[in-house]
Amino acid sequence: MNTVFECWMASDIAQALERDNVLGDSDKPDRLAVRKPGEGEKIPSFLREGANVTDWETEFMLVHLGYGAPNENNNQFNVLTRYDYPVMNRYGQKPTKSDFKQFI
């Protein structure tokens, strides 16, 4: 019998919502809920399919770590194949026209 391991993590958005105390207690363990705002406090609105929602499935906040990892089948789609774009807006390094011409 072969064992297949899958790795998941909470998305950056989920971590930020938890850090900023936006999430509250949910009645269902498979759903996330927005907490009720206190007096004079604002909580962001959340839209799903054009409608305002106060809870949603936890799967919306999970990221599968295996997706996008390079392997022998997806090397042509790897986003890190072009990493030599000229440096911009960094202290002490200004790109020149020849940098862009070489990149193209």
C-alpha atoms as a PDB file:
ATOM      1  CA  MET A   1       0.000   0.000   0.000  1.00  0.00           C
ATOM      2  CA  ASN A   2       1.361   3.420  -0.985  1.00  0.00           C
ATOM      3  CA  THR A   3       0.903   6.390   1.278  1.00  0.00           C
ATOM      4  CA  VAL A   4       0.339   9.761  -0.332  1.00  0.00           C
ATOM      5  CA  PHE A   5       1.190  12.798   1.761  1.00  0.00           C
ATOM      6  CA  GLU A   6      -0.470  16.118   1.074  1.00  0.00           C
ATOM      7  CA  CYS A   7       0.622  19.372   2.670  1.00  0.00           C
ATOM      8  CA  TRP A   8      -1.708  22.292   3.278  1.00  0.00           C
ATOM      9  CA  MET A   9      -1.276  25.642   4.998  1.00  0.00           C
ATOM     10  CA  ALA A  10      -3.446  28.588   5.902  1.00  0.00           C
ATOM     11  CA  SER A  11      -3.305  31.326   3.271  1.00  0.00           C
ATOM     12  CA  ASP A  12      -1.732  34.707   3.953  1.00  0.00           C
ATOM     13  CA  ILE A  13      -5.209  36.234   4.032  1.00  0.00           C
ATOM     14  CA  ALA A  14      -6.392  33.721   6.641  1.00  0.00           C
ATOM     15  CA  GLN A  15      -3.348  34.455   8.797  1.00  0.00           C
ATOM     16  CA  ALA A  16      -3.921  38.219   8.503  1.00  0.00           C
ATOM     17  CA  LEU A  17      -7.613  37.874   9.426  1.00  0.00           C
ATOM     18  CA  GLU A  18      -6.679  35.864  12.515  1.00  0.00           C
ATOM     19  CA  ARG A  19      -3.860  38.251  13.437  1.00  0.00           C
ATOM     20  CA  ASP A  20      -6.183  41.264  13.162  1.00  0.00           C
ATOM     21  CA  ASN A  21      -8.898  39.568  15.234  1.00  0.00           C
ATOM     22  CA  VAL A  22     -11.491  39.652  12.441  1.00  0.00           C
ATOM     23  CA  LEU A  23     -12.536  36.010  12.790  1.00  0.00           C
ATOM     24  CA  GLY A  24     -14.893  34.965  15.538  1.00  0.00           C
ATOM     25  CA  ASP A  25     -16.380  31.769  16.898  1.00  0.00           C
ATOM     26  CA  SER A  26     -18.322  29.577  14.489  1.00  0.00           C
ATOM     27  CA  ASP A  27     -21.105  27.162  15.353  1.00  0.00           C
ATOM     28  CA  LYS A  28     -19.763  24.707  12.783  1.00  0.00           C
ATOM     29  CA  PRO A  29     -16.178  23.402  12.885  1.00  0.00           C
ATOM     30  CA  ASP A  30     -15.893  23.357   9.072  1.00  0.00           C
ATOM     31  CA  ARG A  31     -16.743  27.056   8.650  1.00  0.00           C
ATOM     32  CA  LEU A  32     -15.050  30.360   9.450  1.00  0.00           C
ATOM     33  CA  ALA A  33     -17.109  33.239  10.794  1.00  0.00           C
ATOM     34  CA  VAL A  34     -16.642  36.997  11.038  1.00  0.00           C
ATOM     35  CA  ARG A  35     -17.027  38.302  14.564  1.00  0.00           C
ATOM     36  CA  LYS A  36     -19.491  41.022  15.457  1.00  0.00           C
ATOM     37  CA  PRO A  37     -17.830  44.449  15.607  1.00  0.00           C
ATOM     38  CA  GLY A  38     -17.633  46.279  18.900  1.00  0.00           C
ATOM     39  CA  GLU A  39     -18.962  49.783  19.454  1.00  0.00           C
ATOM     40  CA  GLY A  40     -17.225  52.273  17.142  1.00  0.00           C
ATOM     41  CA  GLU A  41     -15.346  49.444  15.416  1.00  0.00           C
ATOM     42  CA  LYS A  42     -15.421  48.548  11.738  1.00  0.00           C
ATOM     43  CA  ILE A  43     -15.034  45.019  10.376  1.00  0.00           C
ATOM     44  CA  PRO A  44     -14.534  44.490   6.631  1.00  0.00           C
ATOM     45  CA  SER A  45     -17.325  43.041   4.515  1.00  0.00           C
ATOM     46  CA  PHE A  46     -16.843  39.750   2.703  1.00  0.00           C
ATOM     47  CA  LEU A  47     -18.429  38.982  -0.653  1.00  0.00           C
ATOM     48  CA  ARG A  48     -19.146  35.610  -2.186  1.00  0.00           C
ATOM     49  CA  GLU A  49     -20.806  35.445  -5.588  1.00  0.00           C
ATOM     50  CA  GLY A  50     -21.822  39.095  -5.230  1.00  0.00           C
ATOM     51  CA  ALA A  51     -23.545  38.677  -1.860  1.00  0.00           C
ATOM     52  CA  ASN A  52     -22.344  39.771   1.573  1.00  0.00           C
ATOM     53  CA  VAL A  53     -21.524  36.760   3.792  1.00  0.00           C
ATOM     54  CA  THR A  54     -20.622  36.380   7.460  1.00  0.00           C
ATOM     55  CA  ASP A  55     -19.274  32.826   7.259  1.00  0.00           C
ATOM     56  CA  TRP A  56     -17.705  30.532   4.664  1.00  0.00           C
ATOM     57  CA  GLU A  57     -16.058  27.140   4.220  1.00  0.00           C
ATOM     58  CA  THR A  58     -12.538  26.709   5.606  1.00  0.00           C
ATOM     59  CA  GLU A  59     -11.350  25.372   2.233  1.00  0.00           C
ATOM     60  CA  PHE A  60     -11.377  28.946   0.898  1.00  0.00           C
ATOM     61  CA  MET A  61      -8.445  29.754   3.175  1.00  0.00           C
ATOM     62  CA  LEU A  62      -6.251  26.697   2.526  1.00  0.00           C
ATOM     63  CA  VAL A  63      -3.328  26.518   0.117  1.00  0.00           C
ATOM     64  CA  HIS A  64      -2.053  23.182  -1.181  1.00  0.00           C
ATOM     65  CA  LEU A  65       1.737  23.269  -0.972  1.00  0.00           C
ATOM     66  CA  GLY A  66       2.190  20.742  -3.755  1.00  0.00           C
ATOM     67  CA  TYR A  67       0.619  22.924  -6.461  1.00  0.00           C
ATOM     68  CA  GLY A  68       3.157  24.869  -8.448  1.00  0.00           C
ATOM     69  CA  ALA A  69       6.118  22.825  -7.257  1.00  0.00           C
ATOM     70  CA  PRO A  70       8.377  22.040 -10.203  1.00  0.00           C
ATOM     71  CA  ASN A  71       8.512  18.463 -11.433  1.00  0.00           C
ATOM     72  CA  GLU A  72       9.342  16.710 -14.686  1.00  0.00           C
ATOM     73  CA  ASN A  73       5.834  17.356 -16.060  1.00  0.00           C
ATOM     74  CA  ASN A  74       5.417  21.076 -15.414  1.00  0.00           C
ATOM     75  CA  ASN A  75       8.829  22.660 -15.958  1.00  0.00           C
ATOM     76  CA  GLN A  76       7.482  24.704 -18.857  1.00  0.00           C
ATOM     77  CA  PHE A  77       4.901  26.327 -16.543  1.00  0.00           C
ATOM     78  CA  ASN A  78       7.225  27.103 -13.651  1.00  0.00           C
ATOM     79  CA  VAL A  79       6.896  30.787 -12.738  1.00  0.00           C
ATOM     80  CA  LEU A  80      10.553  30.997 -11.716  1.00  0.00           C
ATOM     81  CA  THR A  81      11.914  30.407 -15.217  1.00  0.00           C
ATOM     82  CA  ARG A  82      12.326  34.180 -15.773  1.00  0.00           C
ATOM     83  CA  TYR A  83      14.079  35.635 -12.748  1.00  0.00           C
ATOM     84  CA  ASP A  84      16.506  37.988 -14.478  1.00  0.00           C
ATOM     85  CA  TYR A  85      14.242  41.056 -14.841  1.00  0.00           C
ATOM     86  CA  PRO A  86      16.281  44.258 -14.329  1.00  0.00           C
ATOM     87  CA  VAL A  87      16.356  45.572 -10.767  1.00  0.00           C
ATOM     88  CA  MET A  88      14.171  48.639 -10.247  1.00  0.00           C
ATOM     89  CA  ASN A  89      13.506  51.002  -7.355  1.00  0.00           C
ATOM     90  CA  ARG A  90      16.286  49.614  -5.199  1.00  0.00           C
ATOM     91  CA  TYR A  91      18.746  51.814  -3.419  1.00  0.00           C
ATOM     92  CA  GLY A  92      22.000  52.205  -5.310  1.00  0.00           C
ATOM     93  CA  GLN A  93      20.930  50.250  -8.400  1.00  0.00           C
ATOM     94  CA  LYS A  94      19.282  51.955 -11.341  1.00  0.00           C
ATOM     95  CA  PRO A  95      18.398  49.999 -14.484  1.00  0.00           C
ATOM     96  CA  THR A  96      19.614  51.284 -17.824  1.00  0.00           C
ATOM     97  CA  LYS A  97      18.094  51.001 -21.282  1.00  0.00           C
ATOM     98  CA  SER A  98      20.643  48.334 -22.149  1.00  0.00           C
ATOM     99  CA  ASP A  99      19.447  46.251 -19.144  1.00  0.00           C
ATOM    100  CA  PHE A 100      15.931  46.187 -20.593  1.00  0.00           C
ATOM    101  CA  LYS A 101      17.190  45.502 -24.130  1.00  0.00           C
ATOM    102  CA  GLN A 102      19.188  42.531 -22.875  1.00  0.00           C
ATOM    103  CA  PHE A 103      16.168  41.205 -21.007  1.00  0.00           C
ATOM    104  CA  ILE A 104      13.951  41.361 -24.092  1.00  0.00           C
END
